[in-house]
Amino acid sequence: MEGANNIPSGILAMFRFKERMARKAYWQFLPIALLPPVLYASQVDWLEVHPWHGMAKLAVLFVTALPFLLATSRRLNDAGFDGAQAFYPFAPFVILWLGYQVFLWAGFAIGLVGGGLIALLLWFVAALILIPLHLIMLFVTLMTTATVLGQTLVASEPSTNAHGPNLREVL
């Protein structure tokens, strides 16, 4: 019954970012941590179009995925990697969204002032960012996710590392 204690301890340690999590405990806690975001994502109507509803839905999805991300961060700490790498798969989404917003709103601002051709060029760049870069973003996200998941398979660092003592040696 050693593995049965990993789920409650994973829930209790959910918001401790700088600690370590053993490989076995991580893989036992993973199904419980993935359940809320998967259930939420499967029940939400993602095609509903309202200006801020999409951002609110993504925020709720991020909050429900936080236990999984923090457990992955602790597991990476245990393997000797930087725990912040658990958040790297989201970087392409943020970069794409920010780039799109900058060019779109700059085009609106210049269009309102009266710079017709420059505004059209900025909207064209925004469309270029929106359409083809999704494929690049998907590829980068998949590669980053594969790297992070591969790092969770690495054995724990022996002895003490920057994030604390090895959990097997403490017991």
C-alpha atoms as a PDB file:
ATOM      1  CA  MET A   1       0.000   0.000   0.000  1.00  0.00           C
ATOM      2  CA  GLU A   2       3.022   2.274  -0.344  1.00  0.00           C
ATOM      3  CA  GLY A   3       1.657   3.812  -3.564  1.00  0.00           C
ATOM      4  CA  ALA A   4      -1.690   4.733  -1.986  1.00  0.00           C
ATOM      5  CA  ASN A   5       0.030   7.460   0.043  1.00  0.00           C
ATOM      6  CA  ASN A   6       1.350   9.186  -3.093  1.00  0.00           C
ATOM      7  CA  ILE A   7      -2.039  10.618  -4.092  1.00  0.00           C
ATOM      8  CA  PRO A   8      -2.811  12.421  -0.785  1.00  0.00           C
ATOM      9  CA  SER A   9       0.801  13.576  -0.458  1.00  0.00           C
ATOM     10  CA  GLY A  10       0.688  14.830  -4.055  1.00  0.00           C
ATOM     11  CA  ILE A  11      -2.470  16.810  -3.293  1.00  0.00           C
ATOM     12  CA  LEU A  12      -0.988  18.264  -0.093  1.00  0.00           C
ATOM     13  CA  ALA A  13       2.253  19.239  -1.855  1.00  0.00           C
ATOM     14  CA  MET A  14       0.361  20.622  -4.820  1.00  0.00           C
ATOM     15  CA  PHE A  15       1.457  24.245  -4.483  1.00  0.00           C
ATOM     16  CA  ARG A  16       5.022  23.718  -3.292  1.00  0.00           C
ATOM     17  CA  PHE A  17       7.059  24.623  -6.340  1.00  0.00           C
ATOM     18  CA  LYS A  18      10.656  24.199  -5.162  1.00  0.00           C
ATOM     19  CA  GLU A  19      10.619  20.656  -3.774  1.00  0.00           C
ATOM     20  CA  ARG A  20      11.247  17.233  -5.256  1.00  0.00           C
ATOM     21  CA  MET A  21       8.863  14.437  -6.266  1.00  0.00           C
ATOM     22  CA  ALA A  22       9.952  10.861  -6.813  1.00  0.00           C
ATOM     23  CA  ARG A  23       9.337   9.261 -10.193  1.00  0.00           C
ATOM     24  CA  LYS A  24       6.950   6.614  -8.849  1.00  0.00           C
ATOM     25  CA  ALA A  25       4.948   9.171  -6.875  1.00  0.00           C
ATOM     26  CA  TYR A  26       4.708  11.409  -9.948  1.00  0.00           C
ATOM     27  CA  TRP A  27       3.342   8.701 -12.221  1.00  0.00           C
ATOM     28  CA  GLN A  28       0.839   7.615  -9.564  1.00  0.00           C
ATOM     29  CA  PHE A  29      -0.357  11.197  -9.026  1.00  0.00           C
ATOM     30  CA  LEU A  30      -0.480  12.036 -12.750  1.00  0.00           C
ATOM     31  CA  PRO A  31      -3.927  10.504 -13.566  1.00  0.00           C
ATOM     32  CA  ILE A  32      -5.522  12.352 -10.635  1.00  0.00           C
ATOM     33  CA  ALA A  33      -3.837  15.639 -11.665  1.00  0.00           C
ATOM     34  CA  LEU A  34      -4.889  15.298 -15.321  1.00  0.00           C
ATOM     35  CA  LEU A  35      -8.527  14.505 -14.547  1.00  0.00           C
ATOM     36  CA  PRO A  36      -9.800  18.095 -13.876  1.00  0.00           C
ATOM     37  CA  PRO A  37      -8.316  19.749 -16.998  1.00  0.00           C
ATOM     38  CA  VAL A  38      -9.361  16.878 -19.261  1.00  0.00           C
ATOM     39  CA  LEU A  39     -12.919  16.885 -17.895  1.00  0.00           C
ATOM     40  CA  TYR A  40     -13.161  20.678 -18.178  1.00  0.00           C
ATOM     41  CA  ALA A  41     -11.745  20.780 -21.703  1.00  0.00           C
ATOM     42  CA  SER A  42     -14.128  18.054 -22.859  1.00  0.00           C
ATOM     43  CA  GLN A  43     -17.212  19.827 -21.459  1.00  0.00           C
ATOM     44  CA  VAL A  44     -16.578  23.398 -22.669  1.00  0.00           C
ATOM     45  CA  ASP A  45     -17.978  24.760 -25.924  1.00  0.00           C
ATOM     46  CA  TRP A  46     -14.745  26.059 -27.478  1.00  0.00           C
ATOM     47  CA  LEU A  47     -16.463  27.316 -30.649  1.00  0.00           C
ATOM     48  CA  GLU A  48     -18.627  29.863 -28.836  1.00  0.00           C
ATOM     49  CA  VAL A  49     -17.463  33.279 -30.022  1.00  0.00           C
ATOM     50  CA  HIS A  50     -17.439  36.099 -27.476  1.00  0.00           C
ATOM     51  CA  PRO A  51     -14.524  38.485 -27.039  1.00  0.00           C
ATOM     52  CA  TRP A  52     -13.454  37.636 -23.476  1.00  0.00           C
ATOM     53  CA  HIS A  53     -15.096  34.251 -23.001  1.00  0.00           C
ATOM     54  CA  GLY A  54     -12.222  32.494 -24.760  1.00  0.00           C
ATOM     55  CA  MET A  55      -9.659  34.060 -22.430  1.00  0.00           C
ATOM     56  CA  ALA A  56     -11.767  33.157 -19.395  1.00  0.00           C
ATOM     57  CA  LYS A  57     -12.035  29.558 -20.595  1.00  0.00           C
ATOM     58  CA  LEU A  58      -8.266  29.355 -21.070  1.00  0.00           C
ATOM     59  CA  ALA A  59      -7.709  30.831 -17.613  1.00  0.00           C
ATOM     60  CA  VAL A  60      -9.975  28.213 -16.018  1.00  0.00           C
ATOM     61  CA  LEU A  61      -8.207  25.487 -18.003  1.00  0.00           C
ATOM     62  CA  PHE A  62      -4.836  26.759 -16.771  1.00  0.00           C
ATOM     63  CA  VAL A  63      -6.040  26.802 -13.146  1.00  0.00           C
ATOM     64  CA  THR A  64      -7.357  23.239 -13.418  1.00  0.00           C
ATOM     65  CA  ALA A  65      -4.038  22.128 -14.978  1.00  0.00           C
ATOM     66  CA  LEU A  66      -1.961  23.791 -12.254  1.00  0.00           C
ATOM     67  CA  PRO A  67      -1.671  20.668 -10.030  1.00  0.00           C
ATOM     68  CA  PHE A  68      -0.304  18.715 -13.016  1.00  0.00           C
ATOM     69  CA  LEU A  69       2.141  21.494 -13.931  1.00  0.00           C
ATOM     70  CA  LEU A  70       3.410  21.902 -10.382  1.00  0.00           C
ATOM     71  CA  ALA A  71       3.811  18.132  -9.934  1.00  0.00           C
ATOM     72  CA  THR A  72       5.777  18.052 -13.197  1.00  0.00           C
ATOM     73  CA  SER A  73       7.903  20.929 -11.924  1.00  0.00           C
ATOM     74  CA  ARG A  74       8.708  19.027  -8.714  1.00  0.00           C
ATOM     75  CA  ARG A  75       9.507  15.889 -10.720  1.00  0.00           C
ATOM     76  CA  LEU A  76      11.916  17.856 -12.940  1.00  0.00           C
ATOM     77  CA  ASN A  77      13.530  19.287  -9.802  1.00  0.00           C
ATOM     78  CA  ASP A  78      14.029  15.738  -8.526  1.00  0.00           C
ATOM     79  CA  ALA A  79      15.720  14.680 -11.771  1.00  0.00           C
ATOM     80  CA  GLY A  80      18.092  17.659 -11.595  1.00  0.00           C
ATOM     81  CA  PHE A  81      16.451  19.839 -14.249  1.00  0.00           C
ATOM     82  CA  ASP A  82      14.943  23.293 -13.892  1.00  0.00           C
ATOM     83  CA  GLY A  83      11.346  22.943 -12.699  1.00  0.00           C
ATOM     84  CA  ALA A  84      10.245  25.947 -14.745  1.00  0.00           C
ATOM     85  CA  GLN A  85      10.606  23.769 -17.852  1.00  0.00           C
ATOM     86  CA  ALA A  86       7.184  22.335 -17.009  1.00  0.00           C
ATOM     87  CA  PHE A  87       5.726  25.597 -18.330  1.00  0.00           C
ATOM     88  CA  TYR A  88       7.783  25.718 -21.561  1.00  0.00           C
ATOM     89  CA  PRO A  89       5.130  24.008 -23.740  1.00  0.00           C
ATOM     90  CA  PHE A  90       2.877  27.050 -23.203  1.00  0.00           C
ATOM     91  CA  ALA A  91       5.458  29.574 -24.440  1.00  0.00           C
ATOM     92  CA  PRO A  92       4.571  29.282 -28.163  1.00  0.00           C
ATOM     93  CA  PHE A  93       0.898  29.990 -27.389  1.00  0.00           C
ATOM     94  CA  VAL A  94       1.775  33.117 -25.410  1.00  0.00           C
ATOM     95  CA  ILE A  95       4.256  34.373 -28.010  1.00  0.00           C
ATOM     96  CA  LEU A  96       1.830  33.822 -30.888  1.00  0.00           C
ATOM     97  CA  TRP A  97      -1.056  35.497 -29.056  1.00  0.00           C
ATOM     98  CA  LEU A  98       1.047  38.522 -28.071  1.00  0.00           C
ATOM     99  CA  GLY A  99       2.467  38.939 -31.571  1.00  0.00           C
ATOM    100  CA  TYR A 100      -0.978  38.721 -33.120  1.00  0.00           C
ATOM    101  CA  GLN A 101      -2.411  41.257 -30.666  1.00  0.00           C
ATOM    102  CA  VAL A 102       0.432  43.740 -31.237  1.00  0.00           C
ATOM    103  CA  PHE A 103       0.041  43.782 -35.015  1.00  0.00           C
ATOM    104  CA  LEU A 104      -3.770  43.705 -34.913  1.00  0.00           C
ATOM    105  CA  TRP A 105      -4.168  46.605 -32.471  1.00  0.00           C
ATOM    106  CA  ALA A 106      -1.350  48.607 -34.067  1.00  0.00           C
ATOM    107  CA  GLY A 107      -3.220  48.240 -37.371  1.00  0.00           C
ATOM    108  CA  PHE A 108      -6.438  49.447 -35.740  1.00  0.00           C
ATOM    109  CA  ALA A 109      -4.684  52.428 -34.155  1.00  0.00           C
ATOM    110  CA  ILE A 110      -2.968  53.481 -37.379  1.00  0.00           C
ATOM    111  CA  GLY A 111      -6.169  52.873 -39.347  1.00  0.00           C
ATOM    112  CA  LEU A 112      -8.083  55.203 -37.033  1.00  0.00           C
ATOM    113  CA  VAL A 113      -5.468  57.930 -37.458  1.00  0.00           C
ATOM    114  CA  GLY A 114      -5.757  57.671 -41.218  1.00  0.00           C
ATOM    115  CA  GLY A 115      -2.728  55.655 -42.302  1.00  0.00           C
ATOM    116  CA  GLY A 116      -4.637  53.407 -44.678  1.00  0.00           C
ATOM    117  CA  LEU A 117      -1.815  51.535 -46.430  1.00  0.00           C
ATOM    118  CA  ILE A 118       0.234  51.040 -43.263  1.00  0.00           C
ATOM    119  CA  ALA A 119      -2.845  49.779 -41.427  1.00  0.00           C
ATOM    120  CA  LEU A 120      -3.545  47.293 -44.226  1.00  0.00           C
ATOM    121  CA  LEU A 121       0.055  46.078 -44.061  1.00  0.00           C
ATOM    122  CA  LEU A 122      -0.166  45.583 -40.298  1.00  0.00           C
ATOM    123  CA  TRP A 123      -3.447  43.660 -40.652  1.00  0.00           C
ATOM    124  CA  PHE A 124      -1.803  41.562 -43.354  1.00  0.00           C
ATOM    125  CA  VAL A 125       1.087  40.771 -40.970  1.00  0.00           C
ATOM    126  CA  ALA A 126      -1.465  39.910 -38.267  1.00  0.00           C
ATOM    127  CA  ALA A 127      -3.164  37.514 -40.702  1.00  0.00           C
ATOM    128  CA  LEU A 128       0.209  35.972 -41.554  1.00  0.00           C
ATOM    129  CA  ILE A 129       0.884  35.458 -37.866  1.00  0.00           C
ATOM    130  CA  LEU A 130      -2.556  33.999 -37.286  1.00  0.00           C
ATOM    131  CA  ILE A 131      -2.704  31.526 -40.161  1.00  0.00           C
ATOM    132  CA  PRO A 132       0.635  29.800 -40.945  1.00  0.00           C
ATOM    133  CA  LEU A 133       2.342  30.191 -37.588  1.00  0.00           C
ATOM    134  CA  HIS A 134      -0.227  27.919 -35.948  1.00  0.00           C
ATOM    135  CA  LEU A 135       1.462  24.958 -37.606  1.00  0.00           C
ATOM    136  CA  ILE A 136       4.882  26.070 -36.387  1.00  0.00           C
ATOM    137  CA  MET A 137       3.464  26.676 -32.913  1.00  0.00           C
ATOM    138  CA  LEU A 138       1.932  23.203 -32.846  1.00  0.00           C
ATOM    139  CA  PHE A 139       5.229  21.592 -33.885  1.00  0.00           C
ATOM    140  CA  VAL A 140       7.256  23.528 -31.292  1.00  0.00           C
ATOM    141  CA  THR A 141       4.717  22.737 -28.577  1.00  0.00           C
ATOM    142  CA  LEU A 142       4.785  19.019 -29.388  1.00  0.00           C
ATOM    143  CA  MET A 143       8.589  18.931 -29.391  1.00  0.00           C
ATOM    144  CA  THR A 144       8.807  20.839 -26.105  1.00  0.00           C
ATOM    145  CA  THR A 145       6.194  18.617 -24.488  1.00  0.00           C
ATOM    146  CA  ALA A 146       8.050  15.492 -25.619  1.00  0.00           C
ATOM    147  CA  THR A 147      11.280  16.848 -24.145  1.00  0.00           C
ATOM    148  CA  VAL A 148       9.671  17.685 -20.805  1.00  0.00           C
ATOM    149  CA  LEU A 149       7.932  14.305 -20.591  1.00  0.00           C
ATOM    150  CA  GLY A 150      11.209  12.588 -21.439  1.00  0.00           C
ATOM    151  CA  GLN A 151      12.897  14.454 -18.613  1.00  0.00           C
ATOM    152  CA  THR A 152      10.273  13.181 -16.160  1.00  0.00           C
ATOM    153  CA  LEU A 153      11.442   9.631 -16.973  1.00  0.00           C
ATOM    154  CA  VAL A 154      15.010  10.335 -15.841  1.00  0.00           C
ATOM    155  CA  ALA A 155      15.955   8.766 -12.517  1.00  0.00           C
ATOM    156  CA  SER A 156      16.258  10.936  -9.427  1.00  0.00           C
ATOM    157  CA  GLU A 157      19.541  12.643  -8.697  1.00  0.00           C
ATOM    158  CA  PRO A 158      21.386  10.820  -5.951  1.00  0.00           C
ATOM    159  CA  SER A 159      21.991  12.653  -2.691  1.00  0.00           C
ATOM    160  CA  THR A 160      21.029  16.298  -2.234  1.00  0.00           C
ATOM    161  CA  ASN A 161      20.544  18.714  -5.118  1.00  0.00           C
ATOM    162  CA  ALA A 162      19.530  22.385  -5.176  1.00  0.00           C
ATOM    163  CA  HIS A 163      15.915  21.459  -4.384  1.00  0.00           C
ATOM    164  CA  GLY A 164      16.500  19.318  -1.318  1.00  0.00           C
ATOM    165  CA  PRO A 165      17.569  15.825  -0.312  1.00  0.00           C
ATOM    166  CA  ASN A 166      16.824  12.708  -2.326  1.00  0.00           C
ATOM    167  CA  LEU A 167      13.482  11.376  -1.105  1.00  0.00           C
ATOM    168  CA  ARG A 168      14.718   7.773  -1.002  1.00  0.00           C
ATOM    169  CA  GLU A 169      17.684   8.676   1.157  1.00  0.00           C
ATOM    170  CA  VAL A 170      15.534  10.604   3.643  1.00  0.00           C
ATOM    171  CA  LEU A 171      13.391   7.534   4.347  1.00  0.00           C
END
